[in-house]
Protein backbone atom coordinates (compact mmCIF):
# COMPACT_ATOMS: atom_id res chain seq x y z
CA MET A 1 124.18 101.22 44.99
CA PHE A 2 121.02 103.27 44.23
CA ALA A 3 117.77 101.48 43.39
CA ILE A 4 115.48 103.79 41.50
CA ARG A 5 111.73 103.41 41.02
CA HIS A 6 109.94 105.62 38.55
CA SER A 7 106.65 107.29 39.34
CA GLY A 8 103.82 106.42 37.04
CA ALA A 9 102.37 109.88 37.28
CA ALA A 10 101.83 111.64 33.95
CA ALA A 11 102.22 115.11 35.52
CA PRO A 12 103.57 116.58 38.81
CA ASN A 13 101.18 117.04 41.79
CA ALA A 14 99.13 120.10 41.06
CA LEU A 15 98.82 120.92 44.85
CA VAL A 16 102.56 121.79 45.01
CA LYS A 17 102.68 125.14 43.29
CA ALA A 18 105.32 127.70 42.38
CA GLN A 19 105.16 130.96 44.28
CA PRO A 20 107.85 133.14 42.78
CA ALA A 21 109.85 135.27 45.22
CA ARG A 22 109.34 139.06 44.89
CA ARG A 23 112.31 141.33 44.22
CA GLY A 24 114.35 141.71 47.37
CA GLU A 25 112.05 139.42 49.37
CA GLY A 26 113.57 137.51 52.21
CA ASN A 27 112.61 133.87 52.96
CA VAL A 28 110.63 134.72 56.11
CA ALA A 29 108.41 137.18 54.18
CA TRP A 30 107.99 134.56 51.45
CA LEU A 31 106.91 131.99 54.01
CA GLU A 32 104.35 134.49 55.51
CA ARG A 33 102.80 134.89 52.03
CA THR A 34 102.23 131.10 51.74
CA GLY A 35 100.02 131.15 54.81
CA VAL A 36 101.45 127.77 55.91
CA GLY A 37 102.23 127.57 59.62
CA GLU A 38 103.41 124.01 59.97
CA GLY A 39 105.04 121.60 57.59
CA VAL A 40 108.31 120.48 55.96
CA LEU A 41 110.70 123.22 55.08
CA LEU A 42 113.19 122.64 52.27
CA LEU A 43 116.01 125.02 51.43
CA GLY A 44 118.75 125.03 48.81
CA GLY A 45 122.00 126.70 49.88
CA SER A 46 124.43 128.65 47.76
CA GLN A 47 127.46 128.28 50.05
CA LEU A 48 130.00 125.50 49.62
CA THR A 49 128.28 123.08 52.02
CA GLY A 50 124.87 123.61 50.43
CA VAL A 51 126.20 123.25 46.90
CA ARG A 52 128.04 120.06 47.67
CA LEU A 53 124.92 118.60 49.34
CA ARG A 54 122.91 119.51 46.25
CA VAL A 55 125.36 117.86 43.91
CA ALA A 56 125.52 114.70 46.10
CA GLN A 57 121.90 114.05 45.35
CA SER A 58 122.31 114.18 41.57
CA ARG A 59 121.97 110.43 41.08
CA LEU A 60 118.47 110.58 42.43
CA ARG A 61 117.46 112.67 39.38
CA SER A 62 116.95 111.15 36.01
CA ASP A 63 119.01 113.92 34.30
CA ILE A 64 121.71 113.77 37.03
CA SER A 65 121.48 117.50 37.53
CA PRO A 66 122.08 118.88 41.06
CA SER A 67 119.14 118.96 43.46
CA HIS A 68 117.45 122.26 44.26
CA TRP A 69 117.72 121.35 47.94
CA SER A 70 120.37 120.92 50.59
CA PHE A 71 118.34 121.23 53.84
CA ALA A 72 115.15 119.78 55.35
CA GLY A 73 113.47 120.65 58.62
CA LEU A 74 110.12 120.94 60.31
CA ILE A 75 108.68 124.41 60.73
CA SER A 76 106.03 125.31 63.25
CA GLN A 77 105.10 128.83 64.23
CA GLY A 78 108.40 130.30 63.02
CA VAL A 79 110.66 127.71 64.67
CA VAL A 80 112.58 125.17 62.57
CA THR A 81 113.58 121.76 64.00
CA THR A 82 116.34 120.07 62.10
CA SER A 83 119.90 118.82 62.23
CA PRO A 84 121.95 121.26 60.09
CA LEU A 85 125.30 120.23 58.72
CA ASP A 86 126.52 123.79 58.38
CA ALA A 87 125.71 124.89 61.97
CA ILE A 88 126.62 122.09 64.38
CA GLY A 89 127.90 124.32 67.12
CA ASP A 90 129.20 122.74 70.39
CA PRO A 91 129.92 119.07 69.55
CA GLY A 92 128.97 118.01 73.16
CA GLU A 93 125.67 119.79 73.07
CA PHE A 94 124.98 118.45 69.61
CA ALA A 95 125.46 114.87 70.82
CA ALA A 96 123.43 115.37 74.00
CA HIS A 97 120.38 116.22 71.94
CA ASN A 98 121.02 113.50 69.36
CA GLY A 99 121.84 116.20 66.78
CA VAL A 100 118.34 117.73 66.92
CA SER A 101 118.25 121.46 67.18
CA ARG A 102 115.62 124.22 67.07
CA VAL A 103 116.35 127.54 65.51
CA ASP A 104 114.31 130.60 64.61
CA ALA A 105 113.27 130.90 60.95
CA PRO A 106 115.10 134.24 60.46
CA MET A 107 118.37 132.26 60.52
CA PHE A 108 117.39 131.19 57.02
CA ASP A 109 116.06 134.53 55.84
CA ASP A 110 118.88 135.52 53.55
CA PRO A 111 117.87 134.66 49.90
CA ASP A 112 121.48 134.94 48.75
CA ARG A 113 122.55 132.26 51.18
CA TYR A 114 119.40 130.13 50.78
CA PRO A 115 118.00 131.02 47.33
CA ASN A 116 115.64 128.04 46.99
CA ILE A 117 112.75 127.43 49.38
CA ALA A 118 109.72 125.24 49.65
CA VAL A 119 107.16 124.46 52.33
CA LEU A 120 105.24 121.17 52.06
CA VAL A 121 102.36 119.84 54.09
CA PHE A 122 101.72 116.07 54.26
CA THR A 123 98.89 116.12 56.84
CA ALA A 124 96.40 118.47 58.33
CA GLN A 125 97.35 117.31 61.81
CA TYR A 126 101.00 118.19 62.56
CA ALA A 127 100.80 117.82 66.32
CA PRO A 128 101.65 114.09 66.31
CA VAL A 129 104.61 114.76 63.98
CA LEU A 130 105.90 117.50 66.19
CA ASP A 131 105.46 115.45 69.33
CA ALA A 132 107.56 112.67 67.76
CA LEU A 133 110.59 114.97 67.73
CA ASP A 134 110.94 114.60 71.53
CA GLN A 135 111.34 110.88 71.03
CA ILE A 136 114.06 111.36 68.42
CA GLU A 137 115.86 113.91 70.48
CA SER A 138 115.83 111.86 73.63
CA GLY A 139 118.14 109.13 72.46
CA ARG A 140 119.89 107.27 69.58
CA ALA A 141 117.94 104.01 69.77
CA VAL A 142 115.52 105.05 67.05
CA LEU A 143 117.85 107.25 64.92
CA ASP A 144 121.61 107.95 65.51
CA VAL A 145 121.87 111.47 64.05
CA PRO A 146 125.53 111.96 65.07
CA ALA A 147 126.48 108.85 63.11
CA LEU A 148 124.78 110.22 60.00
CA THR A 149 126.43 113.59 60.59
CA VAL A 150 129.93 112.00 60.82
CA ALA A 151 129.39 110.25 57.49
CA TRP A 152 128.22 113.35 55.79
CA LEU A 153 131.03 115.54 57.16
CA ALA A 154 133.49 113.04 55.74
CA ALA A 155 131.81 113.34 52.40
CA LEU A 156 131.64 117.16 52.52
CA TRP A 157 135.38 117.34 53.55
CA ALA A 158 136.37 115.03 50.70
CA VAL A 159 137.48 112.27 53.12
CA ASP A 160 135.02 110.05 51.37
CA GLU A 161 133.21 110.23 48.06
CA LEU A 162 130.53 112.85 47.94
CA ASP A 163 127.53 110.57 47.51
CA ALA A 164 128.97 107.71 49.54
CA PRO A 165 126.51 108.07 52.46
CA LEU A 166 123.48 107.92 50.23
CA ARG A 167 124.87 104.84 48.40
CA ALA A 168 125.34 103.22 51.83
CA GLY A 169 121.74 104.05 52.86
CA ARG A 170 122.70 106.85 55.25
CA GLY A 171 120.38 109.79 54.81
CA MET A 172 121.10 113.43 55.32
CA PRO A 173 120.59 114.18 59.03
CA GLY A 174 117.92 116.88 58.82
CA ALA A 175 115.86 114.98 56.21
CA ALA A 176 116.21 111.73 58.26
CA VAL A 177 114.74 113.56 61.39
CA VAL A 178 111.88 114.94 59.33
CA ALA A 179 111.06 111.58 57.72
CA LEU A 180 111.30 109.61 60.99
CA ALA A 181 109.03 112.11 62.82
CA HIS A 182 106.40 111.58 60.18
CA ALA A 183 106.88 107.73 60.37
CA ILE A 184 106.41 107.79 64.15
CA ALA A 185 103.15 109.71 63.52
CA GLY A 186 102.04 107.03 61.06
CA LEU A 187 102.87 108.81 57.84
CA GLN A 188 105.24 107.49 55.13
CA LEU A 189 106.99 110.53 53.83
CA THR A 190 109.06 108.92 51.02
CA PRO A 191 107.42 105.82 49.48
CA GLY A 192 109.74 102.87 49.29
CA LEU A 193 112.56 104.54 51.07
CA GLU A 194 113.61 103.96 54.71
CA SER A 195 113.25 107.16 56.76
CA THR A 196 116.83 106.98 57.95
CA ALA A 197 118.06 106.85 54.30
CA THR A 198 116.22 109.85 52.97
CA CYS A 199 117.37 113.24 51.72
CA PRO A 200 115.73 116.59 50.73
CA GLU A 201 115.56 115.53 47.07
CA ALA A 202 113.65 112.32 47.91
CA ILE A 203 111.09 114.32 49.98
CA TRP A 204 110.71 116.82 47.10
CA GLN A 205 110.16 114.12 44.52
CA ALA A 206 107.71 112.30 46.75
CA ALA A 207 105.65 115.43 47.05
CA ARG A 208 105.79 116.26 43.38
CA TRP A 209 105.28 112.80 41.81
CA TRP A 210 103.66 110.38 44.28
CA ALA A 211 100.24 112.10 44.81
CA ASP A 212 98.39 108.89 43.94
CA PHE A 213 100.26 107.02 46.71
CA TYR A 214 99.19 109.54 49.27
CA ARG A 215 95.69 109.71 48.01
CA GLU A 216 95.37 105.99 48.30
CA SER A 217 96.97 106.05 51.76
CA ALA A 218 94.48 108.70 52.94
CA THR A 219 91.52 106.66 51.68
CA VAL A 220 92.80 103.48 53.38
CA ALA A 221 93.41 105.36 56.62
CA LEU A 222 89.84 106.80 56.67
CA ARG A 223 88.28 103.42 56.02
CA ALA A 224 90.35 101.89 58.82
CA GLY A 225 89.59 104.75 61.15
CA ALA A 226 93.28 105.46 61.63
CA THR A 227 92.57 108.90 63.06
CA GLN A 228 91.21 107.16 66.17
CA PHE A 229 94.67 105.94 67.15
CA THR A 230 96.45 108.26 69.57
CA GLY A 231 99.59 109.81 68.16
CA HIS A 232 98.71 109.20 64.56
CA ALA A 233 98.02 111.80 61.85
CA GLN A 234 95.78 111.50 58.90
CA PRO A 235 97.70 111.17 55.58
CA ALA A 236 96.88 113.66 52.83
CA VAL A 237 97.99 114.47 49.30
CA PRO A 238 101.01 116.79 49.74
CA ALA A 239 100.39 120.47 49.15
CA GLY A 240 102.64 123.47 49.32
CA MET A 241 104.60 126.16 47.54
CA TYR A 242 108.17 126.66 46.31
CA ALA A 243 110.46 129.27 44.78
CA ILE A 244 113.56 128.37 42.82
CA ARG A 245 116.03 131.20 42.54
CA SER A 246 119.21 129.08 41.80
CA ARG A 247 119.35 125.91 39.70
CA LEU A 248 123.22 125.59 39.53
CA VAL A 249 122.81 124.28 35.93
CA GLU A 250 120.35 125.11 33.17
CA PRO A 251 117.38 122.76 33.09
CA LEU A 252 116.76 120.52 30.03
CA GLN A 253 114.27 121.88 27.50
CA THR A 254 112.05 118.91 28.31
CA SER A 255 111.81 118.33 32.01
CA PRO A 256 112.90 114.87 33.05
CA ARG A 257 110.61 112.46 34.81
CA GLU A 258 111.80 112.70 38.44
CA VAL A 259 112.13 109.51 40.41
CA THR A 260 112.34 108.41 43.98
CA SER A 261 114.78 105.87 45.44
CA THR A 262 113.81 102.59 46.92
């Protein structure tokens, strides 16, 4: 079952801003306009896999509308590290790298295939987060990405109920990789939610509605001198930009208070 905790914020985080896409603009060009070189990349797909993943996260929204997002990865200098459900490739190679793959950003350039895009920054020091990816890729002791992938493929192929993995606490593979990399670097990406149980919608809602949590975390870390610990990054209030080209359904006239799962 889902356990939902409402944010007490009266308004969304002002540091996460809309940057509308220009006519005919691809996602790579849009990213270049943001000026963000490293951070969390969210995408919302329009193909069958993407749409089903967006619908699967509906229960995490107070109006049960589909999520804008179906994909999460870490982007650094034009390379995206993730575990995509729609591009697994060679199963043996996939398992050998614990489901972690690195692809060039142009793979996601098509705005028709990936109409929604956001880039979010949770720290000014992404080196520790990116370094943590090697630890995740090296084995399944910390996170078993193939196991998450099997659960989500069963849901996508209608072998199981569409939101069954989330109800069982099994996050979407790419989002779980992103959240765990932040956790290893000392950053809590989705307050109150285990990194292995997260999804793109939870990351989005955390960035939009939990600014006070991150602000307090940054203050506590500074007082404790957390930046002195090797391998740890300094928390920050999330900042970033997004463009929504496809909502799947029309939004309510009054925007619902978004929530995050616990």
